[in-house]
Amino acid sequence: MLIKSSFRFGILSLFLFVLSVSPSYAQYEWAQKMFDKDKIDFGVIARGSDAQFRLKIKNIYPDAVHISNVRTTCGCSAAEPSKNLLESGEEGYIQVKMDTARFQRRKDSNVIVTIDSPQYAEIRIPITAYIRTDVVFTPGSANFGSVEVGKGAESTVAVSYAGREDWAITGIESKNPSLTAKAVETARGGGRVNYNLVLTLAPETPLGALREQIMLKTNDVNFTTVPLLVEAKVESDITITPEVVSLGMMIPGQEKTVNVVLRGRKPFEINKIECESNDEAFKIRMPKESQPIHVLPLTIIPPNKPGDYSEEFTVTIAGRGEPITFKAFGKISDTKTN
């Protein structure tokens, strides 16, 4: 009887010890909830392709979240955060890339995201991919770069195949109506097939970043589709950085200054800058000259209005029919300065 009791006590002690030294999933579940995916599957991708995935993360908690480290468990993949500090409600992403030049066939790894504030957590997200050896993209993606709104653009990617004599691209699927593509066969023989993919971005493409995957359909019975990453940034003649101004946490009466940069494709002059509200909390130093880049220091003296705070600005440009608008967001604490 005594032996059985001692045995049970020993098992219970061991169980409690394991719990104390081994972090459970429940401990880190709060951090896991911030990510939009719990695994990353690149599927079947071409050799040399620019295989990237953006793992979205949103701080859904009242305290700021700090990412102290991001790493992967295999040299076949790499990862880095878009930002290390996420204020309450702020979004970011972990950029995950596969090395399709040096690695081939099935590759499995993990991206490990370490958070050290507001409390410690280490999130491990599996990555899987199959890198084909018979299909090669040059360059690895279709990147239009910066495109002026209303202009449209064209880009070409070469596709090389080695294997079957009768291999062919049978179709191209694009989910974005502004993006079209056609495959032009350039060579065939000796078990090799070459195409040029001609991609066209329509003049009607809306402002903003474009990031899409088009799918090449083939007559390959094993791998019927091959994805290709397409990126572009359709910009106005004048752009604002950052597009959304973060004011962070503010204290009533305590002055804070942030910079906003306006860039034009040619020199321009700012006539006036107006705020939507009547708080009169902002002071803006107006530039006096016409130039292609303007750095606007925005100085705010936060009013005594604890909670979320936002402001919209309207910038009138000389000779430009439509004004430019941008927004600023922050939070005002309930602590006053002395």
C-alpha atoms as a PDB file:
ATOM      1  CA  MET A   1       0.000   0.000   0.000  1.00  0.00           C
ATOM      2  CA  LEU A   2       2.843   2.338   0.953  1.00  0.00           C
ATOM      3  CA  ILE A   3       4.694   1.456  -2.266  1.00  0.00           C
ATOM      4  CA  LYS A   4       1.629   2.287  -4.414  1.00  0.00           C
ATOM      5  CA  SER A   5       1.145   5.652  -2.644  1.00  0.00           C
ATOM      6  CA  SER A   6       4.810   6.547  -3.077  1.00  0.00           C
ATOM      7  CA  PHE A   7       4.642   5.580  -6.760  1.00  0.00           C
ATOM      8  CA  ARG A   8       1.582   7.776  -7.314  1.00  0.00           C
ATOM      9  CA  PHE A   9       3.188  10.653  -5.455  1.00  0.00           C
ATOM     10  CA  GLY A  10       6.310  10.300  -7.594  1.00  0.00           C
ATOM     11  CA  ILE A  11       4.312  10.349 -10.837  1.00  0.00           C
ATOM     12  CA  LEU A  12       2.372  13.423  -9.664  1.00  0.00           C
ATOM     13  CA  SER A  13       5.603  15.221  -8.710  1.00  0.00           C
ATOM     14  CA  LEU A  14       7.154  14.430 -12.089  1.00  0.00           C
ATOM     15  CA  PHE A  15       4.020  15.718 -13.890  1.00  0.00           C
ATOM     16  CA  LEU A  16       4.065  18.971 -11.912  1.00  0.00           C
ATOM     17  CA  PHE A  17       7.801  19.383 -12.610  1.00  0.00           C
ATOM     18  CA  VAL A  18       7.282  18.943 -16.364  1.00  0.00           C
ATOM     19  CA  LEU A  19       4.507  21.531 -16.305  1.00  0.00           C
ATOM     20  CA  SER A  20       6.746  23.990 -14.471  1.00  0.00           C
ATOM     21  CA  VAL A  21       9.674  23.759 -16.917  1.00  0.00           C
ATOM     22  CA  SER A  22       7.884  23.083 -20.237  1.00  0.00           C
ATOM     23  CA  PRO A  23       5.796  25.945 -21.640  1.00  0.00           C
ATOM     24  CA  SER A  24       2.413  24.661 -22.758  1.00  0.00           C
ATOM     25  CA  TYR A  25       0.517  25.713 -25.866  1.00  0.00           C
ATOM     26  CA  ALA A  26      -2.045  27.404 -23.623  1.00  0.00           C
ATOM     27  CA  GLN A  27       0.653  29.745 -22.292  1.00  0.00           C
ATOM     28  CA  TYR A  28       1.400  30.987 -25.799  1.00  0.00           C
ATOM     29  CA  GLU A  29      -2.122  30.820 -27.182  1.00  0.00           C
ATOM     30  CA  TRP A  30      -2.546  34.574 -26.621  1.00  0.00           C
ATOM     31  CA  ALA A  31       0.334  35.211 -29.063  1.00  0.00           C
ATOM     32  CA  GLN A  32      -0.842  32.612 -31.597  1.00  0.00           C
ATOM     33  CA  LYS A  33      -4.171  34.448 -31.888  1.00  0.00           C
ATOM     34  CA  MET A  34      -2.411  37.463 -33.431  1.00  0.00           C
ATOM     35  CA  PHE A  35      -1.304  35.495 -36.535  1.00  0.00           C
ATOM     36  CA  ASP A  36      -3.630  34.901 -39.482  1.00  0.00           C
ATOM     37  CA  LYS A  37      -2.125  31.466 -40.305  1.00  0.00           C
ATOM     38  CA  ASP A  38      -0.836  28.543 -38.271  1.00  0.00           C
ATOM     39  CA  LYS A  39       1.135  27.068 -41.199  1.00  0.00           C
ATOM     40  CA  ILE A  40       2.673  28.205 -44.506  1.00  0.00           C
ATOM     41  CA  ASP A  41       2.365  26.016 -47.595  1.00  0.00           C
ATOM     42  CA  PHE A  42       4.062  27.334 -50.748  1.00  0.00           C
ATOM     43  CA  GLY A  43       2.785  24.353 -52.715  1.00  0.00           C
ATOM     44  CA  VAL A  44       4.670  23.423 -55.911  1.00  0.00           C
ATOM     45  CA  ILE A  45       6.947  26.258 -57.071  1.00  0.00           C
ATOM     46  CA  ALA A  46       9.400  26.731 -59.937  1.00  0.00           C
ATOM     47  CA  ARG A  47      13.142  26.740 -59.497  1.00  0.00           C
ATOM     48  CA  GLY A  48      14.495  30.286 -59.336  1.00  0.00           C
ATOM     49  CA  SER A  49      11.064  31.715 -58.564  1.00  0.00           C
ATOM     50  CA  ASP A  50      10.665  34.529 -56.069  1.00  0.00           C
ATOM     51  CA  ALA A  51       8.682  32.530 -53.517  1.00  0.00           C
ATOM     52  CA  GLN A  52       7.493  34.843 -50.725  1.00  0.00           C
ATOM     53  CA  PHE A  53       4.721  34.697 -48.165  1.00  0.00           C
ATOM     54  CA  ARG A  54       3.502  37.437 -45.844  1.00  0.00           C
ATOM     55  CA  LEU A  55       2.390  36.036 -42.514  1.00  0.00           C
ATOM     56  CA  LYS A  56       0.096  38.727 -41.126  1.00  0.00           C
ATOM     57  CA  ILE A  57       0.182  39.683 -37.463  1.00  0.00           C
ATOM     58  CA  LYS A  58      -2.141  42.103 -35.660  1.00  0.00           C
ATOM     59  CA  ASN A  59      -1.795  43.319 -32.083  1.00  0.00           C
ATOM     60  CA  ILE A  60      -5.276  42.671 -30.668  1.00  0.00           C
ATOM     61  CA  TYR A  61      -4.232  43.608 -27.127  1.00  0.00           C
ATOM     62  CA  PRO A  62      -4.124  46.958 -25.268  1.00  0.00           C
ATOM     63  CA  ASP A  63      -0.357  46.774 -24.601  1.00  0.00           C
ATOM     64  CA  ALA A  64       2.363  47.130 -27.232  1.00  0.00           C
ATOM     65  CA  VAL A  65       3.838  43.872 -28.552  1.00  0.00           C
ATOM     66  CA  HIS A  66       7.591  43.662 -29.206  1.00  0.00           C
ATOM     67  CA  ILE A  67       9.063  41.047 -31.555  1.00  0.00           C
ATOM     68  CA  SER A  68      12.613  40.398 -30.348  1.00  0.00           C
ATOM     69  CA  ASN A  69      13.664  37.791 -32.896  1.00  0.00           C
ATOM     70  CA  VAL A  70      12.521  35.990 -36.049  1.00  0.00           C
ATOM     71  CA  ARG A  71      14.409  32.982 -37.394  1.00  0.00           C
ATOM     72  CA  THR A  72      13.921  29.822 -39.455  1.00  0.00           C
ATOM     73  CA  THR A  73      15.108  26.280 -38.808  1.00  0.00           C
ATOM     74  CA  CYS A  74      16.475  25.621 -42.321  1.00  0.00           C
ATOM     75  CA  GLY A  75      18.792  27.454 -44.693  1.00  0.00           C
ATOM     76  CA  CYS A  76      16.195  26.844 -47.401  1.00  0.00           C
ATOM     77  CA  SER A  77      14.039  29.603 -45.906  1.00  0.00           C
ATOM     78  CA  ALA A  78      14.493  33.051 -44.359  1.00  0.00           C
ATOM     79  CA  ALA A  79      12.178  35.420 -42.512  1.00  0.00           C
ATOM     80  CA  GLU A  80      12.095  38.976 -41.217  1.00  0.00           C
ATOM     81  CA  PRO A  81       9.417  41.194 -39.637  1.00  0.00           C
ATOM     82  CA  SER A  82       8.073  44.319 -41.336  1.00  0.00           C
ATOM     83  CA  LYS A  83       8.356  45.997 -37.933  1.00  0.00           C
ATOM     84  CA  ASN A  84       9.440  44.891 -34.475  1.00  0.00           C
ATOM     85  CA  LEU A  85       7.024  46.954 -32.385  1.00  0.00           C
ATOM     86  CA  LEU A  86       3.263  46.763 -32.835  1.00  0.00           C
ATOM     87  CA  GLU A  87       1.134  49.247 -30.933  1.00  0.00           C
ATOM     88  CA  SER A  88      -2.363  48.270 -29.862  1.00  0.00           C
ATOM     89  CA  GLY A  89      -4.464  47.605 -32.994  1.00  0.00           C
ATOM     90  CA  GLU A  90      -1.456  47.910 -35.319  1.00  0.00           C
ATOM     91  CA  GLU A  91      -0.797  45.375 -38.096  1.00  0.00           C
ATOM     92  CA  GLY A  92       2.422  44.046 -39.592  1.00  0.00           C
ATOM     93  CA  TYR A  93       3.726  40.902 -41.229  1.00  0.00           C
ATOM     94  CA  ILE A  94       6.550  38.387 -41.203  1.00  0.00           C
ATOM     95  CA  GLN A  95       8.085  38.127 -44.674  1.00  0.00           C
ATOM     96  CA  VAL A  96       8.993  34.473 -45.349  1.00  0.00           C
ATOM     97  CA  LYS A  97      11.126  33.553 -48.391  1.00  0.00           C
ATOM     98  CA  MET A  98      12.158  30.227 -49.874  1.00  0.00           C
ATOM     99  CA  ASP A  99      15.602  29.862 -51.469  1.00  0.00           C
ATOM    100  CA  THR A 100      14.579  28.274 -54.760  1.00  0.00           C
ATOM    101  CA  ALA A 101      17.997  28.786 -56.370  1.00  0.00           C
ATOM    102  CA  ARG A 102      20.062  26.560 -54.053  1.00  0.00           C
ATOM    103  CA  PHE A 103      17.425  24.083 -52.890  1.00  0.00           C
ATOM    104  CA  GLN A 104      15.263  21.579 -54.736  1.00  0.00           C
ATOM    105  CA  ARG A 105      12.323  19.245 -54.216  1.00  0.00           C
ATOM    106  CA  ARG A 106      10.481  18.870 -50.873  1.00  0.00           C
ATOM    107  CA  LYS A 107      11.651  21.265 -48.158  1.00  0.00           C
ATOM    108  CA  ASP A 108      10.206  21.577 -44.669  1.00  0.00           C
ATOM    109  CA  SER A 109      11.183  24.081 -42.007  1.00  0.00           C
ATOM    110  CA  ASN A 110       9.708  26.382 -39.367  1.00  0.00           C
ATOM    111  CA  VAL A 111       9.598  30.098 -38.786  1.00  0.00           C
ATOM    112  CA  ILE A 112      10.053  30.909 -35.094  1.00  0.00           C
ATOM    113  CA  VAL A 113       8.805  34.265 -33.837  1.00  0.00           C
ATOM    114  CA  THR A 114       9.996  35.318 -30.374  1.00  0.00           C
ATOM    115  CA  ILE A 115       8.018  37.944 -28.456  1.00  0.00           C
ATOM    116  CA  ASP A 116       9.457  39.439 -25.265  1.00  0.00           C
ATOM    117  CA  SER A 117       6.801  42.021 -24.390  1.00  0.00           C
ATOM    118  CA  PRO A 118       4.200  42.380 -22.872  1.00  0.00           C
ATOM    119  CA  GLN A 119       5.185  38.821 -21.917  1.00  0.00           C
ATOM    120  CA  TYR A 120       7.398  36.114 -23.354  1.00  0.00           C
ATOM    121  CA  ALA A 121       6.143  33.810 -26.105  1.00  0.00           C
ATOM    122  CA  GLU A 122       7.773  31.747 -28.856  1.00  0.00           C
ATOM    123  CA  ILE A 123       5.544  30.852 -31.792  1.00  0.00           C
ATOM    124  CA  ARG A 124       6.611  28.101 -34.199  1.00  0.00           C
ATOM    125  CA  ILE A 125       4.878  28.014 -37.608  1.00  0.00           C
ATOM    126  CA  PRO A 126       5.599  25.138 -40.036  1.00  0.00           C
ATOM    127  CA  ILE A 127       6.730  25.893 -43.610  1.00  0.00           C
ATOM    128  CA  THR A 128       6.521  23.461 -46.492  1.00  0.00           C
ATOM    129  CA  ALA A 129       7.320  23.719 -50.200  1.00  0.00           C
ATOM    130  CA  TYR A 130       8.162  21.564 -53.215  1.00  0.00           C
ATOM    131  CA  ILE A 131      10.695  23.201 -55.534  1.00  0.00           C
ATOM    132  CA  ARG A 132      10.513  21.823 -59.071  1.00  0.00           C
ATOM    133  CA  THR A 133      13.762  21.085 -60.888  1.00  0.00           C
ATOM    134  CA  ASP A 134      12.301  21.108 -64.396  1.00  0.00           C
ATOM    135  CA  VAL A 135      10.700  24.594 -64.512  1.00  0.00           C
ATOM    136  CA  VAL A 136      12.772  27.785 -64.120  1.00  0.00           C
ATOM    137  CA  PHE A 137      11.623  31.443 -64.057  1.00  0.00           C
ATOM    138  CA  THR A 138      13.955  34.290 -65.129  1.00  0.00           C
ATOM    139  CA  PRO A 139      13.627  36.654 -63.323  1.00  0.00           C
ATOM    140  CA  GLY A 140      12.037  34.929 -60.343  1.00  0.00           C
ATOM    141  CA  SER A 141       8.975  37.198 -60.297  1.00  0.00           C
ATOM    142  CA  ALA A 142       7.225  39.860 -62.344  1.00  0.00           C
ATOM    143  CA  ASN A 143       7.898  43.151 -60.580  1.00  0.00           C
ATOM    144  CA  PHE A 144       6.531  46.230 -62.346  1.00  0.00           C
ATOM    145  CA  GLY A 145       8.053  48.504 -59.697  1.00  0.00           C
ATOM    146  CA  SER A 146       6.562  51.979 -59.399  1.00  0.00           C
ATOM    147  CA  VAL A 147       3.845  52.704 -61.976  1.00  0.00           C
ATOM    148  CA  GLU A 148       2.136  56.076 -62.344  1.00  0.00           C
ATOM    149  CA  VAL A 149      -1.617  55.811 -62.052  1.00  0.00           C
ATOM    150  CA  GLY A 150      -3.371  55.810 -65.431  1.00  0.00           C
ATOM    151  CA  LYS A 151      -0.238  54.768 -67.353  1.00  0.00           C
ATOM    152  CA  GLY A 152      -0.260  50.967 -67.283  1.00  0.00           C
ATOM    153  CA  ALA A 153       2.873  48.855 -67.761  1.00  0.00           C
ATOM    154  CA  GLU A 154       4.266  45.667 -69.274  1.00  0.00           C
ATOM    155  CA  SER A 155       6.728  43.088 -67.933  1.00  0.00           C
ATOM    156  CA  THR A 156       8.217  39.862 -69.330  1.00  0.00           C
ATOM    157  CA  VAL A 157       9.349  36.695 -67.513  1.00  0.00           C
ATOM    158  CA  ALA A 158      11.133  33.834 -69.303  1.00  0.00           C
ATOM    159  CA  VAL A 159      10.008  30.272 -68.550  1.00  0.00           C
ATOM    160  CA  SER A 160      12.361  27.367 -69.246  1.00  0.00           C
ATOM    161  CA  TYR A 161      11.317  23.716 -69.054  1.00  0.00           C
ATOM    162  CA  ALA A 162      13.466  20.580 -69.334  1.00  0.00           C
ATOM    163  CA  GLY A 163      11.796  17.168 -69.601  1.00  0.00           C
ATOM    164  CA  ARG A 164       8.986  16.057 -71.867  1.00  0.00           C
ATOM    165  CA  GLU A 165       8.949  16.999 -75.530  1.00  0.00           C
ATOM    166  CA  ASP A 166       5.245  17.830 -75.486  1.00  0.00           C
ATOM    167  CA  TRP A 167       5.160  19.909 -72.284  1.00  0.00           C
ATOM    168  CA  ALA A 168       3.073  23.048 -72.720  1.00  0.00           C
ATOM    169  CA  ILE A 169       1.459  25.966 -70.899  1.00  0.00           C
ATOM    170  CA  THR A 170      -2.245  25.489 -71.548  1.00  0.00           C
ATOM    171  CA  GLY A 171      -3.604  28.584 -69.798  1.00  0.00           C
ATOM    172  CA  ILE A 172      -2.947  31.396 -67.310  1.00  0.00           C
ATOM    173  CA  GLU A 173      -5.235  32.230 -64.398  1.00  0.00           C
ATOM    174  CA  SER A 174      -5.270  35.740 -62.904  1.00  0.00           C
ATOM    175  CA  LYS A 175      -7.741  36.748 -60.202  1.00  0.00           C
ATOM    176  CA  ASN A 176      -7.022  40.454 -60.655  1.00  0.00           C
ATOM    177  CA  PRO A 177      -8.983  42.040 -63.535  1.00  0.00           C
ATOM    178  CA  SER A 178      -6.257  44.685 -63.913  1.00  0.00           C
ATOM    179  CA  LEU A 179      -3.628  42.049 -64.619  1.00  0.00           C
ATOM    180  CA  THR A 180      -3.509  39.963 -67.806  1.00  0.00           C
ATOM    181  CA  ALA A 181      -0.851  37.617 -69.160  1.00  0.00           C
ATOM    182  CA  LYS A 182      -0.123  35.583 -72.262  1.00  0.00           C
ATOM    183  CA  ALA A 183       2.431  32.834 -72.926  1.00  0.00           C
ATOM    184  CA  VAL A 184       4.463  33.122 -76.128  1.00  0.00           C
ATOM    185  CA  GLU A 185       6.396  29.973 -77.083  1.00  0.00           C
ATOM    186  CA  THR A 186       9.931  30.848 -78.211  1.00  0.00           C
ATOM    187  CA  ALA A 187      11.663  27.453 -78.587  1.00  0.00           C
ATOM    188  CA  ARG A 188      10.993  23.708 -78.466  1.00  0.00           C
ATOM    189  CA  GLY A 189      13.281  20.744 -79.050  1.00  0.00           C
ATOM    190  CA  GLY A 190      15.601  18.253 -77.414  1.00  0.00           C
ATOM    191  CA  GLY A 191      13.318  17.905 -74.404  1.00  0.00           C
ATOM    192  CA  ARG A 192      13.437  21.651 -73.734  1.00  0.00           C
ATOM    193  CA  VAL A 193      10.631  24.184 -74.043  1.00  0.00           C
ATOM    194  CA  ASN A 194      10.864  27.963 -73.670  1.00  0.00           C
ATOM    195  CA  TYR A 195       8.184  30.603 -73.251  1.00  0.00           C
ATOM    196  CA  ASN A 196       8.026  34.320 -72.651  1.00  0.00           C
ATOM    197  CA  LEU A 197       5.271  35.363 -70.254  1.00  0.00           C
ATOM    198  CA  VAL A 198       4.115  38.837 -71.226  1.00  0.00           C
ATOM    199  CA  LEU A 199       2.246  40.475 -68.358  1.00  0.00           C
ATOM    200  CA  THR A 200       0.210  43.658 -68.774  1.00  0.00           C
ATOM    201  CA  LEU A 201      -0.969  46.018 -66.063  1.00  0.00           C
ATOM    202  CA  ALA A 202      -4.025  47.960 -67.213  1.00  0.00           C
ATOM    203  CA  PRO A 203      -4.099  51.788 -67.067  1.00  0.00           C
ATOM    204  CA  GLU A 204      -7.272  51.448 -64.934  1.00  0.00           C
ATOM    205  CA  THR A 205      -5.349  49.683 -62.125  1.00  0.00           C
ATOM    206  CA  PRO A 206      -6.310  51.427 -58.860  1.00  0.00           C
ATOM    207  CA  LEU A 207      -3.839  53.222 -56.620  1.00  0.00           C
ATOM    208  CA  GLY A 208      -1.914  51.169 -54.094  1.00  0.00           C
ATOM    209  CA  ALA A 209       0.276  48.099 -53.839  1.00  0.00           C
ATOM    210  CA  LEU A 210      -0.519  45.113 -56.035  1.00  0.00           C
ATOM    211  CA  ARG A 211       0.696  41.692 -54.918  1.00  0.00           C
ATOM    212  CA  GLU A 212      -0.809  38.721 -56.719  1.00  0.00           C
ATOM    213  CA  GLN A 213      -0.012  35.180 -57.738  1.00  0.00           C
ATOM    214  CA  ILE A 214      -0.932  34.143 -61.249  1.00  0.00           C
ATOM    215  CA  MET A 215      -1.171  30.419 -61.971  1.00  0.00           C
ATOM    216  CA  LEU A 216       0.333  28.847 -65.081  1.00  0.00           C
ATOM    217  CA  LYS A 217      -1.727  25.856 -66.148  1.00  0.00           C
ATOM    218  CA  THR A 218       0.226  23.060 -67.829  1.00  0.00           C
ATOM    219  CA  ASN A 219      -0.418  19.649 -69.352  1.00  0.00           C
ATOM    220  CA  ASP A 220       1.789  18.031 -66.694  1.00  0.00           C
ATOM    221  CA  VAL A 221      -0.255  15.249 -65.096  1.00  0.00           C
ATOM    222  CA  ASN A 222       1.671  15.406 -61.787  1.00  0.00           C
ATOM    223  CA  PHE A 223       1.953  19.167 -61.244  1.00  0.00           C
ATOM    224  CA  THR A 224      -0.774  20.871 -63.231  1.00  0.00           C
ATOM    225  CA  THR A 225      -0.096  24.462 -62.076  1.00  0.00           C
ATOM    226  CA  VAL A 226       2.942  26.657 -61.330  1.00  0.00           C
ATOM    227  CA  PRO A 227       2.550  29.968 -59.408  1.00  0.00           C
ATOM    228  CA  LEU A 228       4.312  33.207 -60.322  1.00  0.00           C
ATOM    229  CA  LEU A 229       4.506  36.212 -57.988  1.00  0.00           C
ATOM    230  CA  VAL A 230       3.502  39.574 -59.505  1.00  0.00           C
ATOM    231  CA  GLU A 231       4.104  42.889 -57.724  1.00  0.00           C
ATOM    232  CA  ALA A 232       3.559  46.542 -58.547  1.00  0.00           C
ATOM    233  CA  LYS A 233       3.051  49.841 -56.776  1.00  0.00           C
ATOM    234  CA  VAL A 234       0.610  52.114 -58.541  1.00  0.00           C
ATOM    235  CA  GLU A 235       1.327  55.625 -57.350  1.00  0.00           C
ATOM    236  CA  SER A 236      -0.113  59.080 -57.723  1.00  0.00           C
ATOM    237  CA  ASP A 237       1.960  61.918 -59.147  1.00  0.00           C
ATOM    238  CA  ILE A 238       2.448  62.879 -55.490  1.00  0.00           C
ATOM    239  CA  THR A 239       2.868  60.264 -52.743  1.00  0.00           C
ATOM    240  CA  ILE A 240       2.786  60.503 -48.948  1.00  0.00           C
ATOM    241  CA  THR A 241       5.020  58.559 -46.552  1.00  0.00           C
ATOM    242  CA  PRO A 242       3.838  57.159 -44.238  1.00  0.00           C
ATOM    243  CA  GLU A 243       0.406  56.670 -45.781  1.00  0.00           C
ATOM    244  CA  VAL A 244      -1.067  56.458 -42.267  1.00  0.00           C
ATOM    245  CA  VAL A 245       0.722  58.478 -39.578  1.00  0.00           C
ATOM    246  CA  SER A 246       1.126  56.734 -36.213  1.00  0.00           C
ATOM    247  CA  LEU A 247       1.111  59.153 -33.277  1.00  0.00           C
ATOM    248  CA  GLY A 248       1.495  56.356 -30.728  1.00  0.00           C
ATOM    249  CA  MET A 249       0.621  56.922 -27.080  1.00  0.00           C
ATOM    250  CA  MET A 250       0.317  60.614 -26.170  1.00  0.00           C
ATOM    251  CA  ILE A 251       0.004  62.543 -22.906  1.00  0.00           C
ATOM    252  CA  PRO A 252      -2.371  65.543 -22.732  1.00  0.00           C
ATOM    253  CA  GLY A 253      -0.458  68.785 -23.057  1.00  0.00           C
ATOM    254  CA  GLN A 254       2.850  67.089 -23.910  1.00  0.00           C
ATOM    255  CA  GLU A 255       4.108  68.164 -27.341  1.00  0.00           C
ATOM    256  CA  LYS A 256       4.988  65.513 -29.916  1.00  0.00           C
ATOM    257  CA  THR A 257       6.348  65.879 -33.475  1.00  0.00           C
ATOM    258  CA  VAL A 258       6.234  63.425 -36.378  1.00  0.00           C
ATOM    259  CA  ASN A 259       7.422  63.917 -39.962  1.00  0.00           C
ATOM    260  CA  VAL A 260       5.396  63.343 -43.113  1.00  0.00           C
ATOM    261  CA  VAL A 261       7.157  63.245 -46.502  1.00  0.00           C
ATOM    262  CA  LEU A 262       5.441  64.302 -49.747  1.00  0.00           C
ATOM    263  CA  ARG A 263       7.195  63.199 -52.970  1.00  0.00           C
ATOM    264  CA  GLY A 264       6.327  64.373 -56.472  1.00  0.00           C
ATOM    265  CA  ARG A 265       7.484  63.236 -59.893  1.00  0.00           C
ATOM    266  CA  LYS A 266       8.320  66.910 -60.489  1.00  0.00           C
ATOM    267  CA  PRO A 267       8.653  70.010 -58.240  1.00  0.00           C
ATOM    268  CA  PHE A 268       5.394  71.222 -56.682  1.00  0.00           C
ATOM    269  CA  GLU A 269       4.232  73.901 -54.270  1.00  0.00           C
ATOM    270  CA  ILE A 270       1.960  73.403 -51.248  1.00  0.00           C
ATOM    271  CA  ASN A 271      -0.688  76.108 -50.904  1.00  0.00           C
ATOM    272  CA  LYS A 272      -2.265  75.071 -47.611  1.00  0.00           C
ATOM    273  CA  ILE A 273      -2.795  72.230 -45.152  1.00  0.00           C
ATOM    274  CA  GLU A 274      -6.087  71.907 -43.277  1.00  0.00           C
ATOM    275  CA  CYS A 275      -7.306  69.710 -40.422  1.00  0.00           C
ATOM    276  CA  GLU A 276     -10.768  68.146 -40.418  1.00  0.00           C
ATOM    277  CA  SER A 277     -11.468  68.742 -36.703  1.00  0.00           C
ATOM    278  CA  ASN A 278     -11.638  71.980 -34.749  1.00  0.00           C
ATOM    279  CA  ASP A 279      -9.257  70.822 -32.004  1.00  0.00           C
ATOM    280  CA  GLU A 280      -6.465  73.121 -33.203  1.00  0.00           C
ATOM    281  CA  ALA A 281      -4.066  70.582 -31.691  1.00  0.00           C
ATOM    282  CA  PHE A 282      -1.644  70.560 -34.638  1.00  0.00           C
ATOM    283  CA  LYS A 283       0.995  73.044 -35.693  1.00  0.00           C
ATOM    284  CA  ILE A 284       2.466  72.548 -39.175  1.00  0.00           C
ATOM    285  CA  ARG A 285       5.515  74.300 -40.576  1.00  0.00           C
ATOM    286  CA  MET A 286       4.576  75.162 -44.172  1.00  0.00           C
ATOM    287  CA  PRO A 287       7.266  74.877 -46.872  1.00  0.00           C
ATOM    288  CA  LYS A 288       7.793  78.046 -48.894  1.00  0.00           C
ATOM    289  CA  GLU A 289       9.437  76.757 -52.074  1.00  0.00           C
ATOM    290  CA  SER A 290       8.486  74.529 -54.981  1.00  0.00           C
ATOM    291  CA  GLN A 291      10.467  71.279 -54.821  1.00  0.00           C
ATOM    292  CA  PRO A 292       9.971  67.544 -55.586  1.00  0.00           C
ATOM    293  CA  ILE A 293      10.244  66.467 -51.924  1.00  0.00           C
ATOM    294  CA  HIS A 294       8.664  68.186 -48.920  1.00  0.00           C
ATOM    295  CA  VAL A 295       9.251  67.083 -45.321  1.00  0.00           C
ATOM    296  CA  LEU A 296       6.373  68.302 -43.157  1.00  0.00           C
ATOM    297  CA  PRO A 297       6.933  68.339 -39.384  1.00  0.00           C
ATOM    298  CA  LEU A 298       3.546  67.806 -37.688  1.00  0.00           C
ATOM    299  CA  THR A 299       3.567  68.939 -34.082  1.00  0.00           C
ATOM    300  CA  ILE A 300       0.646  68.002 -31.857  1.00  0.00           C
ATOM    301  CA  ILE A 301      -0.213  69.176 -28.356  1.00  0.00           C
ATOM    302  CA  PRO A 302      -2.737  66.469 -27.396  1.00  0.00           C
ATOM    303  CA  PRO A 303      -6.021  67.768 -25.950  1.00  0.00           C
ATOM    304  CA  ASN A 304      -7.361  66.424 -22.688  1.00  0.00           C
ATOM    305  CA  LYS A 305      -9.498  63.785 -24.409  1.00  0.00           C
ATOM    306  CA  PRO A 306      -8.308  60.356 -23.178  1.00  0.00           C
ATOM    307  CA  GLY A 307      -8.819  57.464 -25.598  1.00  0.00           C
ATOM    308  CA  ASP A 308      -8.380  56.925 -29.320  1.00  0.00           C
ATOM    309  CA  TYR A 309      -7.504  60.025 -31.316  1.00  0.00           C
ATOM    310  CA  SER A 310      -7.511  60.624 -35.072  1.00  0.00           C
ATOM    311  CA  GLU A 311      -7.181  63.527 -37.463  1.00  0.00           C
ATOM    312  CA  GLU A 312      -7.532  63.889 -41.223  1.00  0.00           C
ATOM    313  CA  PHE A 313      -5.439  66.365 -43.196  1.00  0.00           C
ATOM    314  CA  THR A 314      -6.150  67.936 -46.584  1.00  0.00           C
ATOM    315  CA  VAL A 315      -3.175  69.221 -48.582  1.00  0.00           C
ATOM    316  CA  THR A 316      -3.882  71.659 -51.426  1.00  0.00           C
ATOM    317  CA  ILE A 317      -1.242  71.643 -54.192  1.00  0.00           C
ATOM    318  CA  ALA A 318      -0.763  74.604 -56.522  1.00  0.00           C
ATOM    319  CA  GLY A 319      -2.084  73.821 -60.006  1.00  0.00           C
ATOM    320  CA  ARG A 320      -3.476  70.423 -58.998  1.00  0.00           C
ATOM    321  CA  GLY A 321      -7.225  70.000 -59.229  1.00  0.00           C
ATOM    322  CA  GLU A 322      -7.622  67.388 -56.498  1.00  0.00           C
ATOM    323  CA  PRO A 323      -6.194  67.866 -52.996  1.00  0.00           C
ATOM    324  CA  ILE A 324      -4.300  65.082 -51.211  1.00  0.00           C
ATOM    325  CA  THR A 325      -5.536  63.655 -47.914  1.00  0.00           C
ATOM    326  CA  PHE A 326      -3.916  61.562 -45.204  1.00  0.00           C
ATOM    327  CA  LYS A 327      -4.811  60.475 -41.677  1.00  0.00           C
ATOM    328  CA  ALA A 328      -3.072  60.336 -38.309  1.00  0.00           C
ATOM    329  CA  PHE A 329      -4.008  57.946 -35.499  1.00  0.00           C
ATOM    330  CA  GLY A 330      -2.931  57.656 -31.882  1.00  0.00           C
ATOM    331  CA  LYS A 331      -4.117  57.256 -28.333  1.00  0.00           C
ATOM    332  CA  ILE A 332      -4.240  59.858 -25.563  1.00  0.00           C
ATOM    333  CA  SER A 333      -3.599  58.589 -22.050  1.00  0.00           C
ATOM    334  CA  ASP A 334      -5.539  59.753 -19.006  1.00  0.00           C
ATOM    335  CA  THR A 335      -2.298  60.989 -17.390  1.00  0.00           C
ATOM    336  CA  LYS A 336      -1.677  64.725 -17.480  1.00  0.00           C
ATOM    337  CA  THR A 337       1.688  66.441 -17.433  1.00  0.00           C
ATOM    338  CA  ASN A 338       2.586  68.400 -14.304  1.00  0.00           C
END
